[in-house]
């Protein structure tokens, strides 16, 4: 049992690195700002309207693999499911982006 708990702790420490926070340029003079990952539980406090985000496939896969642990999927989906990828251009992000 002790080996199982130790293995679970080591695995959880190793898996936390799946999210990729970024330092992105957002100002007109090239200033950068740190943007963290966000999930369903911290969307109101961690998501920025100035940044485009993508789904973290690694966190989705690990959530599925570790579904029986309950804790890790809650962490991944709740706080680290979306990664910042780029500063949002004036037209927006993704499929709904408008070009000028």
Protein backbone atom coordinates (compact mmCIF):
# COMPACT_ATOMS: atom_id res chain seq x y z
CA UNK A 1 0.00 0.00 0.00
CA UNK A 2 2.85 2.40 0.83
CA UNK A 3 4.41 1.75 -2.57
CA UNK A 4 1.12 2.54 -4.28
CA UNK A 5 0.76 5.84 -2.43
CA UNK A 6 4.38 6.77 -3.19
CA UNK A 7 3.89 5.92 -6.86
CA UNK A 8 0.72 8.02 -7.00
CA UNK A 9 2.51 11.01 -5.44
CA UNK A 10 5.45 10.75 -7.84
CA UNK A 11 3.11 10.41 -10.81
CA UNK A 12 1.06 13.42 -9.75
CA UNK A 13 4.17 15.58 -9.36
CA UNK A 14 5.39 14.51 -12.81
CA UNK A 15 2.02 15.19 -14.43
CA UNK A 16 1.57 18.74 -13.20
CA UNK A 17 3.89 19.92 -15.98
CA UNK A 18 1.33 19.27 -18.75
CA UNK A 19 -0.06 22.82 -18.65
CA UNK A 20 2.07 25.45 -20.38
CA UNK A 21 1.75 28.96 -18.95
CA UNK A 22 3.24 31.56 -21.32
CA UNK A 23 4.88 34.96 -21.24
CA UNK A 24 3.22 36.74 -24.16
CA UNK A 25 3.73 40.19 -25.68
CA UNK A 26 0.54 42.20 -25.23
CA UNK A 27 1.57 45.85 -25.14
CA UNK A 28 2.28 48.18 -28.06
CA UNK A 29 5.93 48.45 -27.02
CA UNK A 30 6.44 44.69 -26.82
CA UNK A 31 5.84 44.36 -23.09
CA UNK A 32 5.28 40.78 -21.97
CA UNK A 33 2.95 39.47 -19.31
CA UNK A 34 2.67 36.04 -17.68
CA UNK A 35 -0.57 34.20 -18.52
CA UNK A 36 -1.38 31.02 -16.58
CA UNK A 37 -3.41 28.03 -17.68
CA UNK A 38 -7.06 28.00 -16.66
CA UNK A 39 -9.88 25.52 -16.23
CA UNK A 40 -13.54 25.39 -15.38
CA UNK A 41 -13.09 26.43 -11.73
CA UNK A 42 -10.80 29.44 -12.23
CA UNK A 43 -12.03 30.76 -15.57
CA UNK A 44 -13.29 34.03 -14.07
CA UNK A 45 -9.95 34.83 -12.41
CA UNK A 46 -7.28 33.32 -14.71
CA UNK A 47 -8.64 33.73 -18.25
CA UNK A 48 -7.65 36.86 -20.16
CA UNK A 49 -9.61 38.49 -22.97
CA UNK A 50 -6.28 39.50 -24.56
CA UNK A 51 -5.06 35.94 -25.18
CA UNK A 52 -6.02 33.02 -27.43
CA UNK A 53 -6.25 29.65 -25.65
CA UNK A 54 -6.12 26.03 -26.81
CA UNK A 55 -7.29 22.84 -25.18
CA UNK A 56 -4.43 20.96 -23.48
CA UNK A 57 -4.57 17.53 -25.12
CA UNK A 58 -2.04 16.17 -22.62
CA UNK A 59 -4.26 17.12 -19.69
CA UNK A 60 -7.30 15.57 -21.37
CA UNK A 61 -5.41 12.31 -21.94
CA UNK A 62 -4.10 12.23 -18.37
CA UNK A 63 -7.59 12.97 -17.04
CA UNK A 64 -8.92 9.94 -18.91
CA UNK A 65 -6.03 7.69 -17.84
CA UNK A 66 -6.29 8.75 -14.19
CA UNK A 67 -10.09 8.91 -13.98
CA UNK A 68 -10.09 6.36 -11.15
CA UNK A 69 -7.97 8.60 -8.93
CA UNK A 70 -10.68 11.30 -9.02
CA UNK A 71 -8.27 13.98 -7.75
CA UNK A 72 -6.09 14.36 -10.84
CA UNK A 73 -8.95 14.76 -13.37
CA UNK A 74 -10.54 17.35 -11.08
CA UNK A 75 -7.25 19.27 -10.99
CA UNK A 76 -6.63 19.06 -14.74
CA UNK A 77 -10.15 19.99 -15.79
CA UNK A 78 -10.73 22.47 -12.99
CA UNK A 79 -7.52 24.50 -13.13
CA UNK A 80 -5.34 23.54 -16.10
CA UNK A 81 -7.31 22.42 -19.17
CA UNK A 82 -6.63 25.44 -21.43
CA UNK A 83 -3.16 26.73 -22.36
CA UNK A 84 -2.43 30.29 -23.56
CA UNK A 85 -0.94 30.20 -27.06
CA UNK A 86 -0.75 33.73 -28.45
CA UNK A 87 -1.77 37.31 -27.87
CA UNK A 88 -5.20 37.84 -29.40
CA UNK A 89 -5.07 39.76 -32.69
CA UNK A 90 -7.65 42.46 -33.35
CA UNK A 91 -9.78 40.09 -35.43
CA UNK A 92 -10.05 37.50 -32.65
CA UNK A 93 -8.99 33.86 -32.37
CA UNK A 94 -9.82 30.65 -34.12
CA UNK A 95 -12.56 29.99 -36.62
CA UNK A 96 -14.52 33.14 -35.74
CA UNK A 97 -11.55 35.45 -36.38
CA UNK A 98 -12.24 38.26 -38.78
CA UNK A 99 -9.60 39.54 -41.14
CA UNK A 100 -9.15 43.20 -41.99
